[in-house]
Amino acid sequence: MAAITVRNLPEETARALKARAAHSGRSTEAEVREILNAAVRPPVGIGSALAKLGKRVGGVDLSRTRKRSLARAASFES
């Protein structure tokens, strides 16, 4: 595993990291690792997130028959 050293970290930032780590129930080092991992992880799209959730709960059947009729324009007249 790689190791890094962060120099000239403002004391206020160090205190905030310690507080955030305590709130999360982690050490400051583990909290910094989590922050760095999250920062470089690619964003997950909504479709991927929903697919992952569906797999976790056992999946869902989305096999629906597509309607072949044309869509109608909305009418806002009463």
N, C-alpha and C. Protein backbone atom coordinates (compact mmCIF):
# COMPACT_ATOMS: atom_id res chain seq x y z
N MET A 1 0.83 -1.18 0.00
CA MET A 1 0.00 0.00 0.00
C MET A 1 0.87 1.24 0.00
N ALA A 2 0.39 2.26 -0.63
CA ALA A 2 1.10 3.54 -0.69
C ALA A 2 0.85 4.34 0.58
N ALA A 3 1.77 5.19 0.90
CA ALA A 3 1.61 6.10 2.03
C ALA A 3 1.88 7.51 1.53
N ILE A 4 1.14 8.48 2.06
CA ILE A 4 1.35 9.87 1.69
C ILE A 4 1.48 10.71 2.95
N THR A 5 2.13 11.83 2.81
CA THR A 5 2.24 12.79 3.89
C THR A 5 1.65 14.10 3.39
N VAL A 6 0.80 14.69 4.18
CA VAL A 6 0.20 15.97 3.82
C VAL A 6 0.84 17.04 4.70
N ARG A 7 1.53 17.94 4.07
CA ARG A 7 2.22 19.00 4.81
C ARG A 7 1.36 20.27 4.83
N ASN A 8 1.61 21.08 5.81
CA ASN A 8 0.96 22.40 5.93
C ASN A 8 -0.56 22.32 5.97
N LEU A 9 -1.08 21.29 6.62
CA LEU A 9 -2.52 21.17 6.78
C LEU A 9 -2.96 22.15 7.87
N PRO A 10 -3.89 23.03 7.57
CA PRO A 10 -4.33 23.99 8.60
C PRO A 10 -4.87 23.25 9.84
N GLU A 11 -4.58 23.80 10.99
CA GLU A 11 -5.02 23.18 12.25
C GLU A 11 -6.54 23.02 12.29
N GLU A 12 -7.24 24.00 11.75
CA GLU A 12 -8.71 23.93 11.71
C GLU A 12 -9.17 22.72 10.89
N THR A 13 -8.50 22.43 9.78
CA THR A 13 -8.85 21.27 8.95
C THR A 13 -8.56 19.98 9.71
N ALA A 14 -7.43 19.92 10.39
CA ALA A 14 -7.08 18.73 11.17
C ALA A 14 -8.12 18.47 12.26
N ARG A 15 -8.55 19.53 12.94
CA ARG A 15 -9.58 19.38 13.98
C ARG A 15 -10.90 18.89 13.38
N ALA A 16 -11.27 19.46 12.21
CA ALA A 16 -12.51 19.05 11.56
C ALA A 16 -12.45 17.58 11.13
N LEU A 17 -11.29 17.15 10.64
CA LEU A 17 -11.13 15.74 10.26
C LEU A 17 -11.28 14.82 11.48
N LYS A 18 -10.68 15.21 12.58
CA LYS A 18 -10.78 14.41 13.81
C LYS A 18 -12.22 14.32 14.27
N ALA A 19 -12.94 15.44 14.22
CA ALA A 19 -14.34 15.46 14.64
C ALA A 19 -15.19 14.60 13.71
N ARG A 20 -14.94 14.72 12.41
CA ARG A 20 -15.69 13.92 11.43
C ARG A 20 -15.42 12.43 11.64
N ALA A 21 -14.17 12.09 11.90
CA ALA A 21 -13.80 10.70 12.15
C ALA A 21 -14.50 10.17 13.39
N ALA A 22 -14.51 10.95 14.45
CA ALA A 22 -15.17 10.52 15.69
C ALA A 22 -16.66 10.32 15.45
N HIS A 23 -17.26 11.22 14.70
CA HIS A 23 -18.69 11.11 14.40
C HIS A 23 -19.00 9.84 13.59
N SER A 24 -18.05 9.45 12.72
CA SER A 24 -18.23 8.25 11.89
C SER A 24 -17.78 6.98 12.59
N GLY A 25 -17.18 7.12 13.77
CA GLY A 25 -16.69 5.95 14.50
C GLY A 25 -15.42 5.36 13.90
N ARG A 26 -14.63 6.21 13.26
CA ARG A 26 -13.39 5.76 12.64
C ARG A 26 -12.22 6.56 13.19
N SER A 27 -11.03 6.03 12.94
CA SER A 27 -9.83 6.79 13.28
C SER A 27 -9.69 7.91 12.26
N THR A 28 -8.89 8.91 12.59
CA THR A 28 -8.66 10.01 11.65
C THR A 28 -8.05 9.48 10.36
N GLU A 29 -7.12 8.56 10.48
CA GLU A 29 -6.48 7.97 9.29
C GLU A 29 -7.50 7.23 8.42
N ALA A 30 -8.38 6.46 9.04
CA ALA A 30 -9.41 5.74 8.28
C ALA A 30 -10.37 6.72 7.61
N GLU A 31 -10.67 7.81 8.30
CA GLU A 31 -11.57 8.83 7.74
C GLU A 31 -10.94 9.49 6.52
N VAL A 32 -9.66 9.81 6.61
CA VAL A 32 -8.96 10.42 5.47
C VAL A 32 -8.94 9.44 4.30
N ARG A 33 -8.70 8.15 4.58
CA ARG A 33 -8.74 7.14 3.50
C ARG A 33 -10.10 7.11 2.84
N GLU A 34 -11.16 7.14 3.64
CA GLU A 34 -12.51 7.12 3.09
C GLU A 34 -12.78 8.34 2.22
N ILE A 35 -12.36 9.50 2.67
CA ILE A 35 -12.54 10.74 1.92
C ILE A 35 -11.80 10.67 0.59
N LEU A 36 -10.55 10.22 0.63
CA LEU A 36 -9.76 10.12 -0.61
C LEU A 36 -10.35 9.08 -1.57
N ASN A 37 -10.76 7.94 -1.05
CA ASN A 37 -11.38 6.92 -1.91
C ASN A 37 -12.65 7.45 -2.57
N ALA A 38 -13.47 8.14 -1.82
CA ALA A 38 -14.71 8.70 -2.38
C ALA A 38 -14.41 9.77 -3.42
N ALA A 39 -13.33 10.52 -3.22
CA ALA A 39 -12.99 11.61 -4.15
C ALA A 39 -12.56 11.10 -5.51
N VAL A 40 -11.95 9.93 -5.57
CA VAL A 40 -11.45 9.42 -6.85
C VAL A 40 -12.34 8.34 -7.46
N ARG A 41 -13.37 7.92 -6.73
CA ARG A 41 -14.31 6.93 -7.24
C ARG A 41 -15.17 7.58 -8.32
N PRO A 42 -15.39 6.89 -9.45
CA PRO A 42 -16.25 7.49 -10.47
C PRO A 42 -17.68 7.62 -9.95
N PRO A 43 -18.37 8.68 -10.36
CA PRO A 43 -19.76 8.85 -9.90
C PRO A 43 -20.64 7.72 -10.44
N VAL A 44 -21.60 7.32 -9.64
CA VAL A 44 -22.53 6.26 -10.03
C VAL A 44 -23.79 6.91 -10.57
N GLY A 45 -24.18 6.52 -11.77
CA GLY A 45 -25.40 7.05 -12.36
C GLY A 45 -26.63 6.49 -11.67
N ILE A 46 -27.75 7.13 -11.84
CA ILE A 46 -28.99 6.71 -11.19
C ILE A 46 -29.41 5.31 -11.65
N GLY A 47 -29.20 5.02 -12.93
CA GLY A 47 -29.56 3.69 -13.44
C GLY A 47 -28.74 2.60 -12.79
N SER A 48 -27.45 2.82 -12.66
CA SER A 48 -26.56 1.84 -12.02
C SER A 48 -26.92 1.67 -10.55
N ALA A 49 -27.22 2.77 -9.88
CA ALA A 49 -27.59 2.70 -8.47
C ALA A 49 -28.89 1.92 -8.28
N LEU A 50 -29.86 2.15 -9.14
CA LEU A 50 -31.13 1.42 -9.04
C LEU A 50 -30.94 -0.06 -9.36
N ALA A 51 -30.11 -0.37 -10.34
CA ALA A 51 -29.85 -1.77 -10.68
C ALA A 51 -29.18 -2.49 -9.50
N LYS A 52 -28.23 -1.82 -8.86
CA LYS A 52 -27.55 -2.40 -7.71
C LYS A 52 -28.53 -2.64 -6.56
N LEU A 53 -29.41 -1.67 -6.33
CA LEU A 53 -30.42 -1.81 -5.29
C LEU A 53 -31.36 -2.97 -5.62
N GLY A 54 -31.78 -3.07 -6.88
CA GLY A 54 -32.66 -4.17 -7.29
C GLY A 54 -32.03 -5.52 -7.06
N LYS A 55 -30.75 -5.66 -7.35
CA LYS A 55 -30.04 -6.92 -7.12
C LYS A 55 -30.00 -7.25 -5.63
N ARG A 56 -29.78 -6.21 -4.81
CA ARG A 56 -29.69 -6.43 -3.36
C ARG A 56 -31.00 -6.94 -2.77
N VAL A 57 -32.13 -6.49 -3.32
CA VAL A 57 -33.42 -6.89 -2.76
C VAL A 57 -34.04 -8.07 -3.50
N GLY A 58 -33.26 -8.69 -4.37
CA GLY A 58 -33.76 -9.90 -5.03
C GLY A 58 -34.22 -9.69 -6.45
N GLY A 59 -34.08 -8.51 -6.99
CA GLY A 59 -34.44 -8.25 -8.38
C GLY A 59 -35.90 -7.88 -8.56
N VAL A 60 -36.20 -7.39 -9.73
CA VAL A 60 -37.56 -6.99 -10.07
C VAL A 60 -37.84 -7.42 -11.50
N ASP A 61 -39.06 -7.78 -11.77
CA ASP A 61 -39.43 -8.18 -13.12
C ASP A 61 -39.92 -6.96 -13.87
N LEU A 62 -39.17 -6.55 -14.87
CA LEU A 62 -39.54 -5.37 -15.64
C LEU A 62 -39.97 -5.74 -17.05
N SER A 63 -40.33 -6.99 -17.26
CA SER A 63 -40.74 -7.39 -18.60
C SER A 63 -42.18 -6.92 -18.84
N ARG A 64 -42.30 -5.83 -19.52
CA ARG A 64 -43.61 -5.26 -19.83
C ARG A 64 -43.74 -5.19 -21.33
N THR A 65 -44.94 -5.35 -21.81
CA THR A 65 -45.18 -5.27 -23.24
C THR A 65 -45.32 -3.80 -23.63
N ARG A 66 -44.63 -3.44 -24.67
CA ARG A 66 -44.67 -2.05 -25.13
C ARG A 66 -45.95 -1.80 -25.91
N LYS A 67 -46.58 -0.68 -25.61
CA LYS A 67 -47.78 -0.30 -26.35
C LYS A 67 -47.37 0.19 -27.73
N ARG A 68 -48.08 -0.24 -28.74
CA ARG A 68 -47.75 0.16 -30.10
C ARG A 68 -48.56 1.36 -30.58
N SER A 69 -49.52 1.82 -29.79
CA SER A 69 -50.32 2.97 -30.20
C SER A 69 -49.51 4.25 -30.05
N LEU A 70 -49.84 5.22 -30.85
CA LEU A 70 -49.14 6.51 -30.80
C LEU A 70 -49.56 7.29 -29.56
N ALA A 71 -48.64 8.05 -29.04
CA ALA A 71 -48.94 8.90 -27.90
C ALA A 71 -49.84 10.05 -28.34
N ARG A 72 -50.72 10.48 -27.45
CA ARG A 72 -51.59 11.60 -27.77
C ARG A 72 -51.08 12.84 -27.06
N ALA A 73 -51.25 13.97 -27.69
CA ALA A 73 -50.86 15.24 -27.08
C ALA A 73 -51.76 15.54 -25.89
N ALA A 74 -51.22 16.16 -24.88
CA ALA A 74 -51.99 16.52 -23.70
C ALA A 74 -52.99 17.61 -24.07
N SER A 75 -54.15 17.54 -23.45
CA SER A 75 -55.16 18.58 -23.66
C SER A 75 -55.40 19.28 -22.32
N PHE A 76 -55.29 20.58 -22.33
CA PHE A 76 -55.46 21.34 -21.11
C PHE A 76 -56.78 22.10 -21.09
N GLU A 77 -57.64 21.77 -21.98
CA GLU A 77 -58.97 22.40 -22.07
C GLU A 77 -59.94 21.58 -21.24
N SER A 78 -60.87 22.24 -20.58
CA SER A 78 -61.82 21.49 -19.77
C SER A 78 -63.10 21.21 -20.51
